[in-house]
Amino acid sequence: MYVYSFEKLEVWKESKKLTKIIYQITSRYPENEKFGLTSQLRRASISVCSNLAEGSARITSKDKAHFSTMAYSSLIEVLNQIIISYELDFIDESDYLNFRNLIESLSNKINSLRKFQLNESTKNN
């Protein structure tokens, strides 16, 4: 089976892990949050790994960097929603701190990827 370039990226693998954890955690959220925080968190987390995947298919490094920026923005959206989830007691402190650590690691990796892509775009001009 062919393996696409994004599937080889550690940052994509880690973002997919975040998405899976988000799905597991939000399955425990109150039913009345199904169309609120549950939906928002799931869509934002999927957006992180989806933008990394989509960006890998772009031709120019500048375009790739644009999708890395969108992935980072979605990750920050996830962080915001995790903070709110914690303050509403939907997640406990342990889950909250684990999310913060994973998000910090992912944000560093996405920023490194974006810097590499932008550096590549200036080399090609």
PDB file of N, CA and C in Angstrom:
ATOM      1  N   MET A   1       0.841  -1.170   0.000  1.00  0.00           N
ATOM      2  CA  MET A   1       0.000   0.000   0.000  1.00  0.00           C
ATOM      3  C   MET A   1       0.892   1.241   0.000  1.00  0.00           C
ATOM      4  N   TYR A   2       0.536   2.213  -0.838  1.00  0.00           N
ATOM      5  CA  TYR A   2       1.289   3.455  -0.947  1.00  0.00           C
ATOM      6  C   TYR A   2       1.116   4.284   0.320  1.00  0.00           C
ATOM      7  N   VAL A   3       2.199   4.861   0.797  1.00  0.00           N
ATOM      8  CA  VAL A   3       2.163   5.735   1.970  1.00  0.00           C
ATOM      9  C   VAL A   3       2.394   7.169   1.487  1.00  0.00           C
ATOM     10  N   TYR A   4       1.433   8.031   1.756  1.00  0.00           N
ATOM     11  CA  TYR A   4       1.535   9.432   1.344  1.00  0.00           C
ATOM     12  C   TYR A   4       2.491  10.184   2.258  1.00  0.00           C
ATOM     13  N   SER A   5       3.022  11.282   1.741  1.00  0.00           N
ATOM     14  CA  SER A   5       4.062  12.008   2.481  1.00  0.00           C
ATOM     15  C   SER A   5       3.582  12.480   3.853  1.00  0.00           C
ATOM     16  N   PHE A   6       2.341  12.919   3.963  1.00  0.00           N
ATOM     17  CA  PHE A   6       1.865  13.410   5.261  1.00  0.00           C
ATOM     18  C   PHE A   6       1.819  12.300   6.305  1.00  0.00           C
ATOM     19  N   GLU A   7       1.624  11.056   5.862  1.00  0.00           N
ATOM     20  CA  GLU A   7       1.554   9.934   6.790  1.00  0.00           C
ATOM     21  C   GLU A   7       2.898   9.637   7.446  1.00  0.00           C
ATOM     22  N   LYS A   8       3.964  10.177   6.876  1.00  0.00           N
ATOM     23  CA  LYS A   8       5.308   9.993   7.414  1.00  0.00           C
ATOM     24  C   LYS A   8       5.682  11.081   8.417  1.00  0.00           C
ATOM     25  N   LEU A   9       4.903  12.146   8.468  1.00  0.00           N
ATOM     26  CA  LEU A   9       5.200  13.278   9.344  1.00  0.00           C
ATOM     27  C   LEU A   9       4.844  12.974  10.797  1.00  0.00           C
ATOM     28  N   GLU A  10       5.818  13.114  11.690  1.00  0.00           N
ATOM     29  CA  GLU A  10       5.556  12.909  13.119  1.00  0.00           C
ATOM     30  C   GLU A  10       4.506  13.890  13.627  1.00  0.00           C
ATOM     31  N   VAL A  11       4.530  15.099  13.113  1.00  0.00           N
ATOM     32  CA  VAL A  11       3.576  16.112  13.566  1.00  0.00           C
ATOM     33  C   VAL A  11       2.152  15.712  13.170  1.00  0.00           C
ATOM     34  N   TRP A  12       1.988  15.097  12.006  1.00  0.00           N
ATOM     35  CA  TRP A  12       0.661  14.626  11.599  1.00  0.00           C
ATOM     36  C   TRP A  12       0.216  13.466  12.496  1.00  0.00           C
ATOM     37  N   LYS A  13       1.125  12.548  12.770  1.00  0.00           N
ATOM     38  CA  LYS A  13       0.803  11.410  13.637  1.00  0.00           C
ATOM     39  C   LYS A  13       0.370  11.889  15.020  1.00  0.00           C
ATOM     40  N   GLU A  14       1.078  12.883  15.535  1.00  0.00           N
ATOM     41  CA  GLU A  14       0.751  13.421  16.857  1.00  0.00           C
ATOM     42  C   GLU A  14      -0.582  14.167  16.837  1.00  0.00           C
ATOM     43  N   SER A  15      -0.853  14.867  15.745  1.00  0.00           N
ATOM     44  CA  SER A  15      -2.122  15.596  15.652  1.00  0.00           C
ATOM     45  C   SER A  15      -3.296  14.621  15.508  1.00  0.00           C
ATOM     46  N   LYS A  16      -3.071  13.517  14.842  1.00  0.00           N
ATOM     47  CA  LYS A  16      -4.103  12.478  14.730  1.00  0.00           C
ATOM     48  C   LYS A  16      -4.373  11.860  16.103  1.00  0.00           C
ATOM     49  N   LYS A  17      -3.305  11.686  16.877  1.00  0.00           N
ATOM     50  CA  LYS A  17      -3.450  11.169  18.249  1.00  0.00           C
ATOM     51  C   LYS A  17      -4.301  12.135  19.075  1.00  0.00           C
ATOM     52  N   LEU A  18      -4.036  13.429  18.946  1.00  0.00           N
ATOM     53  CA  LEU A  18      -4.835  14.441  19.651  1.00  0.00           C
ATOM     54  C   LEU A  18      -6.305  14.311  19.280  1.00  0.00           C
ATOM     55  N   THR A  19      -6.588  14.156  18.001  1.00  0.00           N
ATOM     56  CA  THR A  19      -7.970  14.036  17.534  1.00  0.00           C
ATOM     57  C   THR A  19      -8.656  12.827  18.164  1.00  0.00           C
ATOM     58  N   LYS A  20      -7.958  11.712  18.195  1.00  0.00           N
ATOM     59  CA  LYS A  20      -8.539  10.500  18.778  1.00  0.00           C
ATOM     60  C   LYS A  20      -8.828  10.692  20.273  1.00  0.00           C
ATOM     61  N   ILE A  21      -7.925  11.352  20.971  1.00  0.00           N
ATOM     62  CA  ILE A  21      -8.135  11.613  22.400  1.00  0.00           C
ATOM     63  C   ILE A  21      -9.323  12.562  22.595  1.00  0.00           C
ATOM     64  N   ILE A  22      -9.412  13.577  21.737  1.00  0.00           N
ATOM     65  CA  ILE A  22     -10.537  14.517  21.806  1.00  0.00           C
ATOM     66  C   ILE A  22     -11.858  13.763  21.643  1.00  0.00           C
ATOM     67  N   TYR A  23     -11.909  12.867  20.685  1.00  0.00           N
ATOM     68  CA  TYR A  23     -13.136  12.087  20.476  1.00  0.00           C
ATOM     69  C   TYR A  23     -13.475  11.247  21.710  1.00  0.00           C
ATOM     70  N   GLN A  24     -12.473  10.635  22.297  1.00  0.00           N
ATOM     71  CA  GLN A  24     -12.711   9.812  23.483  1.00  0.00           C
ATOM     72  C   GLN A  24     -13.204  10.659  24.659  1.00  0.00           C
ATOM     73  N   ILE A  25     -12.544  11.782  24.883  1.00  0.00           N
ATOM     74  CA  ILE A  25     -12.902  12.648  26.016  1.00  0.00           C
ATOM     75  C   ILE A  25     -14.286  13.276  25.818  1.00  0.00           C
ATOM     76  N   THR A  26     -14.554  13.775  24.610  1.00  0.00           N
ATOM     77  CA  THR A  26     -15.830  14.466  24.386  1.00  0.00           C
ATOM     78  C   THR A  26     -17.019  13.508  24.389  1.00  0.00           C
ATOM     79  N   SER A  27     -16.759  12.216  24.239  1.00  0.00           N
ATOM     80  CA  SER A  27     -17.865  11.254  24.325  1.00  0.00           C
ATOM     81  C   SER A  27     -18.448  11.234  25.747  1.00  0.00           C
ATOM     82  N   ARG A  28     -17.694  11.783  26.700  1.00  0.00           N
ATOM     83  CA  ARG A  28     -18.154  11.861  28.093  1.00  0.00           C
ATOM     84  C   ARG A  28     -18.775  13.222  28.434  1.00  0.00           C
ATOM     85  N   TYR A  29     -18.767  14.142  27.486  1.00  0.00           N
ATOM     86  CA  TYR A  29     -19.350  15.468  27.733  1.00  0.00           C
ATOM     87  C   TYR A  29     -20.868  15.330  27.882  1.00  0.00           C
ATOM     88  N   PRO A  30     -21.495  16.314  28.532  1.00  0.00           N
ATOM     89  CA  PRO A  30     -22.958  16.273  28.669  1.00  0.00           C
ATOM     90  C   PRO A  30     -23.647  16.233  27.299  1.00  0.00           C
ATOM     91  N   GLU A  31     -24.769  15.553  27.245  1.00  0.00           N
ATOM     92  CA  GLU A  31     -25.529  15.410  25.990  1.00  0.00           C
ATOM     93  C   GLU A  31     -25.906  16.771  25.403  1.00  0.00           C
ATOM     94  N   ASN A  32     -26.192  17.744  26.266  1.00  0.00           N
ATOM     95  CA  ASN A  32     -26.592  19.065  25.762  1.00  0.00           C
ATOM     96  C   ASN A  32     -25.426  19.830  25.129  1.00  0.00           C
ATOM     97  N   GLU A  33     -24.214  19.278  25.206  1.00  0.00           N
ATOM     98  CA  GLU A  33     -23.049  19.893  24.546  1.00  0.00           C
ATOM     99  C   GLU A  33     -22.743  19.241  23.199  1.00  0.00           C
ATOM    100  N   LYS A  34     -23.587  18.312  22.787  1.00  0.00           N
ATOM    101  CA  LYS A  34     -23.357  17.579  21.531  1.00  0.00           C
ATOM    102  C   LYS A  34     -23.117  18.527  20.353  1.00  0.00           C
ATOM    103  N   PHE A  35     -23.897  19.604  20.281  1.00  0.00           N
ATOM    104  CA  PHE A  35     -23.758  20.549  19.180  1.00  0.00           C
ATOM    105  C   PHE A  35     -22.993  21.803  19.588  1.00  0.00           C
ATOM    106  N   GLY A  36     -22.442  21.781  20.799  1.00  0.00           N
ATOM    107  CA  GLY A  36     -21.651  22.897  21.300  1.00  0.00           C
ATOM    108  C   GLY A  36     -20.182  22.539  21.324  1.00  0.00           C
ATOM    109  N   LEU A  37     -19.634  22.466  22.524  1.00  0.00           N
ATOM    110  CA  LEU A  37     -18.204  22.201  22.677  1.00  0.00           C
ATOM    111  C   LEU A  37     -17.771  20.865  22.077  1.00  0.00           C
ATOM    112  N   THR A  38     -18.599  19.841  22.189  1.00  0.00           N
ATOM    113  CA  THR A  38     -18.230  18.539  21.628  1.00  0.00           C
ATOM    114  C   THR A  38     -17.963  18.669  20.132  1.00  0.00           C
ATOM    115  N   SER A  39     -18.902  19.256  19.426  1.00  0.00           N
ATOM    116  CA  SER A  39     -18.768  19.421  17.975  1.00  0.00           C
ATOM    117  C   SER A  39     -17.598  20.340  17.625  1.00  0.00           C
ATOM    118  N   GLN A  40     -17.488  21.455  18.340  1.00  0.00           N
ATOM    119  CA  GLN A  40     -16.419  22.422  18.069  1.00  0.00           C
ATOM    120  C   GLN A  40     -15.034  21.805  18.271  1.00  0.00           C
ATOM    121  N   LEU A  41     -14.868  21.103  19.385  1.00  0.00           N
ATOM    122  CA  LEU A  41     -13.573  20.479  19.680  1.00  0.00           C
ATOM    123  C   LEU A  41     -13.208  19.426  18.640  1.00  0.00           C
ATOM    124  N   ARG A  42     -14.179  18.621  18.278  1.00  0.00           N
ATOM    125  CA  ARG A  42     -13.921  17.583  17.287  1.00  0.00           C
ATOM    126  C   ARG A  42     -13.550  18.188  15.937  1.00  0.00           C
ATOM    127  N   ARG A  43     -14.291  19.189  15.504  1.00  0.00           N
ATOM    128  CA  ARG A  43     -13.994  19.810  14.203  1.00  0.00           C
ATOM    129  C   ARG A  43     -12.649  20.523  14.214  1.00  0.00           C
ATOM    130  N   ALA A  44     -12.340  21.217  15.290  1.00  0.00           N
ATOM    131  CA  ALA A  44     -11.059  21.933  15.364  1.00  0.00           C
ATOM    132  C   ALA A  44      -9.884  20.952  15.381  1.00  0.00           C
ATOM    133  N   SER A  45     -10.020  19.861  16.125  1.00  0.00           N
ATOM    134  CA  SER A  45      -8.909  18.895  16.188  1.00  0.00           C
ATOM    135  C   SER A  45      -8.713  18.189  14.855  1.00  0.00           C
ATOM    136  N   ILE A  46      -9.805  17.860  14.186  1.00  0.00           N
ATOM    137  CA  ILE A  46      -9.696  17.247  12.857  1.00  0.00           C
ATOM    138  C   ILE A  46      -9.053  18.231  11.883  1.00  0.00           C
ATOM    139  N   SER A  47      -9.340  19.495  12.055  1.00  0.00           N
ATOM    140  CA  SER A  47      -8.780  20.521  11.175  1.00  0.00           C
ATOM    141  C   SER A  47      -7.256  20.577  11.272  1.00  0.00           C
ATOM    142  N   VAL A  48      -6.710  20.311  12.453  1.00  0.00           N
ATOM    143  CA  VAL A  48      -5.250  20.338  12.619  1.00  0.00           C
ATOM    144  C   VAL A  48      -4.603  19.299  11.705  1.00  0.00           C
ATOM    145  N   CYS A  49      -4.999  18.038  11.861  1.00  0.00           N
ATOM    146  CA  CYS A  49      -4.357  16.992  11.048  1.00  0.00           C
ATOM    147  C   CYS A  49      -4.766  17.085   9.579  1.00  0.00           C
ATOM    148  N   SER A  50      -5.980  17.539   9.298  1.00  0.00           N
ATOM    149  CA  SER A  50      -6.426  17.668   7.906  1.00  0.00           C
ATOM    150  C   SER A  50      -5.646  18.749   7.163  1.00  0.00           C
ATOM    151  N   ASN A  51      -5.384  19.867   7.830  1.00  0.00           N
ATOM    152  CA  ASN A  51      -4.603  20.929   7.182  1.00  0.00           C
ATOM    153  C   ASN A  51      -3.155  20.497   6.951  1.00  0.00           C
ATOM    154  N   LEU A  52      -2.609  19.729   7.870  1.00  0.00           N
ATOM    155  CA  LEU A  52      -1.253  19.207   7.653  1.00  0.00           C
ATOM    156  C   LEU A  52      -1.229  18.261   6.455  1.00  0.00           C
ATOM    157  N   ALA A  53      -2.259  17.425   6.352  1.00  0.00           N
ATOM    158  CA  ALA A  53      -2.342  16.495   5.216  1.00  0.00           C
ATOM    159  C   ALA A  53      -2.528  17.262   3.909  1.00  0.00           C
ATOM    160  N   GLU A  54      -3.468  18.201   3.900  1.00  0.00           N
ATOM    161  CA  GLU A  54      -3.738  18.955   2.680  1.00  0.00           C
ATOM    162  C   GLU A  54      -2.528  19.778   2.257  1.00  0.00           C
ATOM    163  N   GLY A  55      -1.860  20.380   3.209  1.00  0.00           N
ATOM    164  CA  GLY A  55      -0.679  21.183   2.892  1.00  0.00           C
ATOM    165  C   GLY A  55       0.423  20.369   2.243  1.00  0.00           C
ATOM    166  N   SER A  56       0.528  19.113   2.621  1.00  0.00           N
ATOM    167  CA  SER A  56       1.586  18.266   2.052  1.00  0.00           C
ATOM    168  C   SER A  56       1.382  18.022   0.561  1.00  0.00           C
ATOM    169  N   ALA A  57       0.153  18.211   0.084  1.00  0.00           N
ATOM    170  CA  ALA A  57      -0.145  17.982  -1.331  1.00  0.00           C
ATOM    171  C   ALA A  57       0.039  19.238  -2.179  1.00  0.00           C
ATOM    172  N   ARG A  58       0.352  20.342  -1.561  1.00  0.00           N
ATOM    173  CA  ARG A  58       0.525  21.599  -2.298  1.00  0.00           C
ATOM    174  C   ARG A  58       1.887  21.633  -2.989  1.00  0.00           C
ATOM    175  N   ILE A  59       1.959  22.404  -4.045  1.00  0.00           N
ATOM    176  CA  ILE A  59       3.168  22.438  -4.865  1.00  0.00           C
ATOM    177  C   ILE A  59       4.261  23.314  -4.256  1.00  0.00           C
ATOM    178  N   THR A  60       3.899  24.543  -3.898  1.00  0.00           N
ATOM    179  CA  THR A  60       4.928  25.466  -3.414  1.00  0.00           C
ATOM    180  C   THR A  60       5.093  25.377  -1.901  1.00  0.00           C
ATOM    181  N   SER A  61       6.292  25.665  -1.458  1.00  0.00           N
ATOM    182  CA  SER A  61       6.573  25.664  -0.020  1.00  0.00           C
ATOM    183  C   SER A  61       5.779  26.746   0.695  1.00  0.00           C
ATOM    184  N   LYS A  62       5.561  27.870   0.016  1.00  0.00           N
ATOM    185  CA  LYS A  62       4.781  28.955   0.615  1.00  0.00           C
ATOM    186  C   LYS A  62       3.334  28.507   0.844  1.00  0.00           C
ATOM    187  N   ASP A  63       2.782  27.794  -0.109  1.00  0.00           N
ATOM    188  CA  ASP A  63       1.424  27.275   0.038  1.00  0.00           C
ATOM    189  C   ASP A  63       1.365  26.223   1.144  1.00  0.00           C
ATOM    190  N   LYS A  64       2.391  25.387   1.225  1.00  0.00           N
ATOM    191  CA  LYS A  64       2.469  24.394   2.296  1.00  0.00           C
ATOM    192  C   LYS A  64       2.490  25.093   3.659  1.00  0.00           C
ATOM    193  N   ALA A  65       3.267  26.162   3.757  1.00  0.00           N
ATOM    194  CA  ALA A  65       3.373  26.921   5.008  1.00  0.00           C
ATOM    195  C   ALA A  65       2.035  27.539   5.397  1.00  0.00           C
ATOM    196  N   HIS A  66       1.264  27.947   4.400  1.00  0.00           N
ATOM    197  CA  HIS A  66      -0.068  28.506   4.661  1.00  0.00           C
ATOM    198  C   HIS A  66      -0.941  27.471   5.376  1.00  0.00           C
ATOM    199  N   PHE A  67      -0.892  26.231   4.930  1.00  0.00           N
ATOM    200  CA  PHE A  67      -1.693  25.185   5.562  1.00  0.00           C
ATOM    201  C   PHE A  67      -1.153  24.828   6.947  1.00  0.00           C
ATOM    202  N   SER A  68       0.142  24.940   7.139  1.00  0.00           N
ATOM    203  CA  SER A  68       0.715  24.742   8.472  1.00  0.00           C
ATOM    204  C   SER A  68       0.231  25.834   9.417  1.00  0.00           C
ATOM    205  N   THR A  69       0.113  27.043   8.915  1.00  0.00           N
ATOM    206  CA  THR A  69      -0.420  28.157   9.709  1.00  0.00           C
ATOM    207  C   THR A  69      -1.867  27.884  10.097  1.00  0.00           C
ATOM    208  N   MET A  70      -2.644  27.378   9.162  1.00  0.00           N
ATOM    209  CA  MET A  70      -4.043  27.060   9.476  1.00  0.00           C
ATOM    210  C   MET A  70      -4.123  25.924  10.494  1.00  0.00           C
ATOM    211  N   ALA A  71      -3.231  24.943  10.389  1.00  0.00           N
ATOM    212  CA  ALA A  71      -3.201  23.848  11.373  1.00  0.00           C
ATOM    213  C   ALA A  71      -2.887  24.403  12.760  1.00  0.00           C
ATOM    214  N   TYR A  72      -1.915  25.317  12.828  1.00  0.00           N
ATOM    215  CA  TYR A  72      -1.553  25.943  14.104  1.00  0.00           C
ATOM    216  C   TYR A  72      -2.738  26.720  14.680  1.00  0.00           C
ATOM    217  N   SER A  73      -3.418  27.465  13.822  1.00  0.00           N
ATOM    218  CA  SER A  73      -4.577  28.246  14.274  1.00  0.00           C
ATOM    219  C   SER A  73      -5.664  27.338  14.839  1.00  0.00           C
ATOM    220  N   SER A  74      -5.907  26.225  14.185  1.00  0.00           N
ATOM    221  CA  SER A  74      -6.900  25.270  14.685  1.00  0.00           C
ATOM    222  C   SER A  74      -6.454  24.667  16.015  1.00  0.00           C
ATOM    223  N   LEU A  75      -5.168  24.447  16.162  1.00  0.00           N
ATOM    224  CA  LEU A  75      -4.636  23.911  17.418  1.00  0.00           C
ATOM    225  C   LEU A  75      -4.878  24.895  18.563  1.00  0.00           C
ATOM    226  N   ILE A  76      -4.696  26.167  18.302  1.00  0.00           N
ATOM    227  CA  ILE A  76      -4.942  27.186  19.323  1.00  0.00           C
ATOM    228  C   ILE A  76      -6.438  27.251  19.649  1.00  0.00           C
ATOM    229  N   GLU A  77      -7.278  27.021  18.651  1.00  0.00           N
ATOM    230  CA  GLU A  77      -8.718  26.937  18.891  1.00  0.00           C
ATOM    231  C   GLU A  77      -9.024  25.760  19.828  1.00  0.00           C
ATOM    232  N   VAL A  78      -8.364  24.622  19.608  1.00  0.00           N
ATOM    233  CA  VAL A  78      -8.536  23.463  20.493  1.00  0.00           C
ATOM    234  C   VAL A  78      -8.136  23.834  21.918  1.00  0.00           C
ATOM    235  N   LEU A  79      -7.002  24.507  22.066  1.00  0.00           N
ATOM    236  CA  LEU A  79      -6.552  24.918  23.398  1.00  0.00           C
ATOM    237  C   LEU A  79      -7.602  25.777  24.088  1.00  0.00           C
ATOM    238  N   ASN A  80      -8.130  26.750  23.379  1.00  0.00           N
ATOM    239  CA  ASN A  80      -9.168  27.618  23.943  1.00  0.00           C
ATOM    240  C   ASN A  80     -10.355  26.792  24.430  1.00  0.00           C
ATOM    241  N   GLN A  81     -10.781  25.843  23.639  1.00  0.00           N
ATOM    242  CA  GLN A  81     -11.941  25.027  23.989  1.00  0.00           C
ATOM    243  C   GLN A  81     -11.631  24.055  25.129  1.00  0.00           C
ATOM    244  N   ILE A  82     -10.399  23.619  25.226  1.00  0.00           N
ATOM    245  CA  ILE A  82      -9.980  22.765  26.346  1.00  0.00           C
ATOM    246  C   ILE A  82      -9.990  23.570  27.649  1.00  0.00           C
ATOM    247  N   ILE A  83      -9.532  24.805  27.583  1.00  0.00           N
ATOM    248  CA  ILE A  83      -9.562  25.680  28.763  1.00  0.00           C
ATOM    249  C   ILE A  83     -11.003  25.853  29.243  1.00  0.00           C
ATOM    250  N   ILE A  84     -11.898  26.125  28.306  1.00  0.00           N
ATOM    251  CA  ILE A  84     -13.311  26.294  28.655  1.00  0.00           C
ATOM    252  C   ILE A  84     -13.884  24.992  29.217  1.00  0.00           C
ATOM    253  N   SER A  85     -13.538  23.869  28.601  1.00  0.00           N
ATOM    254  CA  SER A  85     -14.012  22.563  29.082  1.00  0.00           C
ATOM    255  C   SER A  85     -13.569  22.310  30.517  1.00  0.00           C
ATOM    256  N   TYR A  86     -12.338  22.678  30.802  1.00  0.00           N
ATOM    257  CA  TYR A  86     -11.810  22.509  32.162  1.00  0.00           C
ATOM    258  C   TYR A  86     -12.555  23.412  33.150  1.00  0.00           C
ATOM    259  N   GLU A  87     -12.753  24.661  32.758  1.00  0.00           N
ATOM    260  CA  GLU A  87     -13.431  25.609  33.650  1.00  0.00           C
ATOM    261  C   GLU A  87     -14.899  25.241  33.878  1.00  0.00           C
ATOM    262  N   LEU A  88     -15.489  24.495  32.935  1.00  0.00           N
ATOM    263  CA  LEU A  88     -16.869  24.032  33.092  1.00  0.00           C
ATOM    264  C   LEU A  88     -16.938  22.654  33.758  1.00  0.00           C
ATOM    265  N   ASP A  89     -15.780  22.141  34.173  1.00  0.00           N
ATOM    266  CA  ASP A  89     -15.678  20.826  34.828  1.00  0.00           C
ATOM    267  C   ASP A  89     -16.077  19.660  33.922  1.00  0.00           C
ATOM    268  N   PHE A  90     -15.897  19.822  32.615  1.00  0.00           N
ATOM    269  CA  PHE A  90     -16.140  18.712  31.687  1.00  0.00           C
ATOM    270  C   PHE A  90     -14.940  17.767  31.655  1.00  0.00           C
ATOM    271  N   ILE A  91     -13.760  18.305  31.990  1.00  0.00           N
ATOM    272  CA  ILE A  91     -12.554  17.479  32.094  1.00  0.00           C
ATOM    273  C   ILE A  91     -11.884  17.775  33.427  1.00  0.00           C
ATOM    274  N   ASP A  92     -11.154  16.793  33.926  1.00  0.00           N
ATOM    275  CA  ASP A  92     -10.469  16.997  35.208  1.00  0.00           C
ATOM    276  C   ASP A  92      -9.084  17.618  34.971  1.00  0.00           C
ATOM    277  N   GLU A  93      -8.435  17.952  36.064  1.00  0.00           N
ATOM    278  CA  GLU A  93      -7.145  18.637  35.970  1.00  0.00           C
ATOM    279  C   GLU A  93      -6.090  17.786  35.265  1.00  0.00           C
ATOM    280  N   SER A  94      -6.110  16.500  35.501  1.00  0.00           N
ATOM    281  CA  SER A  94      -5.144  15.600  34.873  1.00  0.00           C
ATOM    282  C   SER A  94      -5.293  15.610  33.348  1.00  0.00           C
ATOM    283  N   ASP A  95      -6.534  15.479  32.873  1.00  0.00           N
ATOM    284  CA  ASP A  95      -6.779  15.544  31.419  1.00  0.00           C
ATOM    285  C   ASP A  95      -6.377  16.905  30.868  1.00  0.00           C
ATOM    286  N   TYR A  96      -6.727  17.950  31.599  1.00  0.00           N
ATOM    287  CA  TYR A  96      -6.397  19.311  31.176  1.00  0.00           C
ATOM    288  C   TYR A  96      -4.885  19.480  31.000  1.00  0.00           C
ATOM    289  N   LEU A  97      -4.130  19.043  31.989  1.00  0.00           N
ATOM    290  CA  LEU A  97      -2.667  19.183  31.918  1.00  0.00           C
ATOM    291  C   LEU A  97      -2.073  18.314  30.816  1.00  0.00           C
ATOM    292  N   ASN A  98      -2.622  17.124  30.626  1.00  0.00           N
ATOM    293  CA  ASN A  98      -2.159  16.263  29.528  1.00  0.00           C
ATOM    294  C   ASN A  98      -2.416  16.915  28.176  1.00  0.00           C
ATOM    295  N   PHE A  99      -3.604  17.514  28.018  1.00  0.00           N
ATOM    296  CA  PHE A  99      -3.907  18.236  26.781  1.00  0.00           C
ATOM    297  C   PHE A  99      -2.938  19.396  26.573  1.00  0.00           C
ATOM    298  N   ARG A 100      -2.675  20.146  27.624  1.00  0.00           N
ATOM    299  CA  ARG A 100      -1.761  21.288  27.499  1.00  0.00           C
ATOM    300  C   ARG A 100      -0.382  20.832  27.039  1.00  0.00           C
ATOM    301  N   ASN A 101       0.104  19.733  27.606  1.00  0.00           N
ATOM    302  CA  ASN A 101       1.420  19.218  27.211  1.00  0.00           C
ATOM    303  C   ASN A 101       1.432  18.762  25.762  1.00  0.00           C
ATOM    304  N   LEU A 102       0.396  18.053  25.345  1.00  0.00           N
ATOM    305  CA  LEU A 102       0.314  17.586  23.962  1.00  0.00           C
ATOM    306  C   LEU A 102       0.203  18.758  22.993  1.00  0.00           C
ATOM    307  N   ILE A 103      -0.600  19.749  23.352  1.00  0.00           N
ATOM    308  CA  ILE A 103      -0.765  20.926  22.501  1.00  0.00           C
ATOM    309  C   ILE A 103       0.538  21.713  22.400  1.00  0.00           C
ATOM    310  N   GLU A 104       1.263  21.825  23.510  1.00  0.00           N
ATOM    311  CA  GLU A 104       2.550  22.533  23.471  1.00  0.00           C
ATOM    312  C   GLU A 104       3.535  21.816  22.541  1.00  0.00           C
ATOM    313  N   SER A 105       3.603  20.512  22.663  1.00  0.00           N
ATOM    314  CA  SER A 105       4.486  19.723  21.800  1.00  0.00           C
ATOM    315  C   SER A 105       4.098  19.888  20.326  1.00  0.00           C
ATOM    316  N   LEU A 106       2.809  19.784  20.056  1.00  0.00           N
ATOM    317  CA  LEU A 106       2.324  19.926  18.681  1.00  0.00           C
ATOM    318  C   LEU A 106       2.579  21.323  18.134  1.00  0.00           C
ATOM    319  N   SER A 107       2.358  22.337  18.939  1.00  0.00           N
ATOM    320  CA  SER A 107       2.557  23.709  18.456  1.00  0.00           C
ATOM    321  C   SER A 107       4.018  23.945  18.093  1.00  0.00           C
ATOM    322  N   ASN A 108       4.926  23.400  18.883  1.00  0.00           N
ATOM    323  CA  ASN A 108       6.354  23.529  18.557  1.00  0.00           C
ATOM    324  C   ASN A 108       6.682  22.822  17.246  1.00  0.00           C
ATOM    325  N   LYS A 109       6.127  21.651  17.034  1.00  0.00           N
ATOM    326  CA  LYS A 109       6.397  20.890  15.809  1.00  0.00           C
ATOM    327  C   LYS A 109       5.791  21.564  14.579  1.00  0.00           C
ATOM    328  N   ILE A 110       4.579  22.065  14.732  1.00  0.00           N
ATOM    329  CA  ILE A 110       3.949  22.762  13.599  1.00  0.00           C
ATOM    330  C   ILE A 110       4.738  24.016  13.252  1.00  0.00           C
ATOM    331  N   ASN A 111       5.163  24.771  14.267  1.00  0.00           N
ATOM    332  CA  ASN A 111       5.952  25.979  14.010  1.00  0.00           C
ATOM    333  C   ASN A 111       7.286  25.648  13.356  1.00  0.00           C
ATOM    334  N   SER A 112       7.912  24.561  13.759  1.00  0.00           N
ATOM    335  CA  SER A 112       9.177  24.146  13.134  1.00  0.00           C
ATOM    336  C   SER A 112       8.951  23.767  11.676  1.00  0.00           C
ATOM    337  N   LEU A 113       7.882  23.040  11.416  1.00  0.00           N
ATOM    338  CA  LEU A 113       7.554  22.661  10.039  1.00  0.00           C
ATOM    339  C   LEU A 113       7.295  23.902   9.202  1.00  0.00           C
ATOM    340  N   ARG A 114       6.531  24.836   9.740  1.00  0.00           N
ATOM    341  CA  ARG A 114       6.212  26.076   9.022  1.00  0.00           C
ATOM    342  C   ARG A 114       7.475  26.879   8.728  1.00  0.00           C
ATOM    343  N   LYS A 115       8.369  26.999   9.697  1.00  0.00           N
ATOM    344  CA  LYS A 115       9.627  27.724   9.478  1.00  0.00           C
ATOM    345  C   LYS A 115      10.458  27.055   8.385  1.00  0.00           C
ATOM    346  N   PHE A 116      10.510  25.733   8.412  1.00  0.00           N
ATOM    347  CA  PHE A 116      11.231  24.997   7.368  1.00  0.00           C
ATOM    348  C   PHE A 116      10.610  25.281   5.997  1.00  0.00           C
ATOM    349  N   GLN A 117       9.289  25.239   5.925  1.00  0.00           N
ATOM    350  CA  GLN A 117       8.600  25.477   4.653  1.00  0.00           C
ATOM    351  C   GLN A 117       8.842  26.898   4.151  1.00  0.00           C
ATOM    352  N   LEU A 118       8.788  27.873   5.032  1.00  0.00           N
ATOM    353  CA  LEU A 118       9.038  29.259   4.629  1.00  0.00           C
ATOM    354  C   LEU A 118      10.479  29.450   4.192  1.00  0.00           C
ATOM    355  N   ASN A 119      11.405  28.780   4.860  1.00  0.00           N
ATOM    356  CA  ASN A 119      12.810  28.845   4.479  1.00  0.00           C
ATOM    357  C   ASN A 119      13.011  28.234   3.088  1.00  0.00           C
ATOM    358  N   GLU A 120      12.313  27.136   2.826  1.00  0.00           N
ATOM    359  CA  GLU A 120      12.388  26.499   1.511  1.00  0.00           C
ATOM    360  C   GLU A 120      11.822  27.408   0.428  1.00  0.00           C
ATOM    361  N   SER A 121      10.775  28.161   0.769  1.00  0.00           N
ATOM    362  CA  SER A 121      10.155  29.045  -0.230  1.00  0.00           C
ATOM    363  C   SER A 121      11.076  30.199  -0.601  1.00  0.00           C
ATOM    364  N   THR A 122      11.891  30.677   0.354  1.00  0.00           N
ATOM    365  CA  THR A 122      12.819  31.759   0.032  1.00  0.00           C
ATOM    366  C   THR A 122      14.014  31.232  -0.780  1.00  0.00           C
ATOM    367  N   LYS A 123      14.360  29.971  -0.598  1.00  0.00           N
ATOM    368  CA  LYS A 123      15.452  29.355  -1.389  1.00  0.00           C
ATOM    369  C   LYS A 123      15.040  29.194  -2.843  1.00  0.00           C
ATOM    370  N   ASN A 124      13.744  28.954  -3.066  1.00  0.00           N
ATOM    371  CA  ASN A 124      13.265  28.660  -4.415  1.00  0.00           C
ATOM    372  C   ASN A 124      12.938  29.912  -5.209  1.00  0.00           C
ATOM    373  N   ASN A 125      13.067  31.080  -4.599  1.00  0.00           N
ATOM    374  CA  ASN A 125      12.766  32.334  -5.322  1.00  0.00           C
ATOM    375  C   ASN A 125      13.985  32.929  -5.948  1.00  0.00           C
TER     376      ASN A 125
END
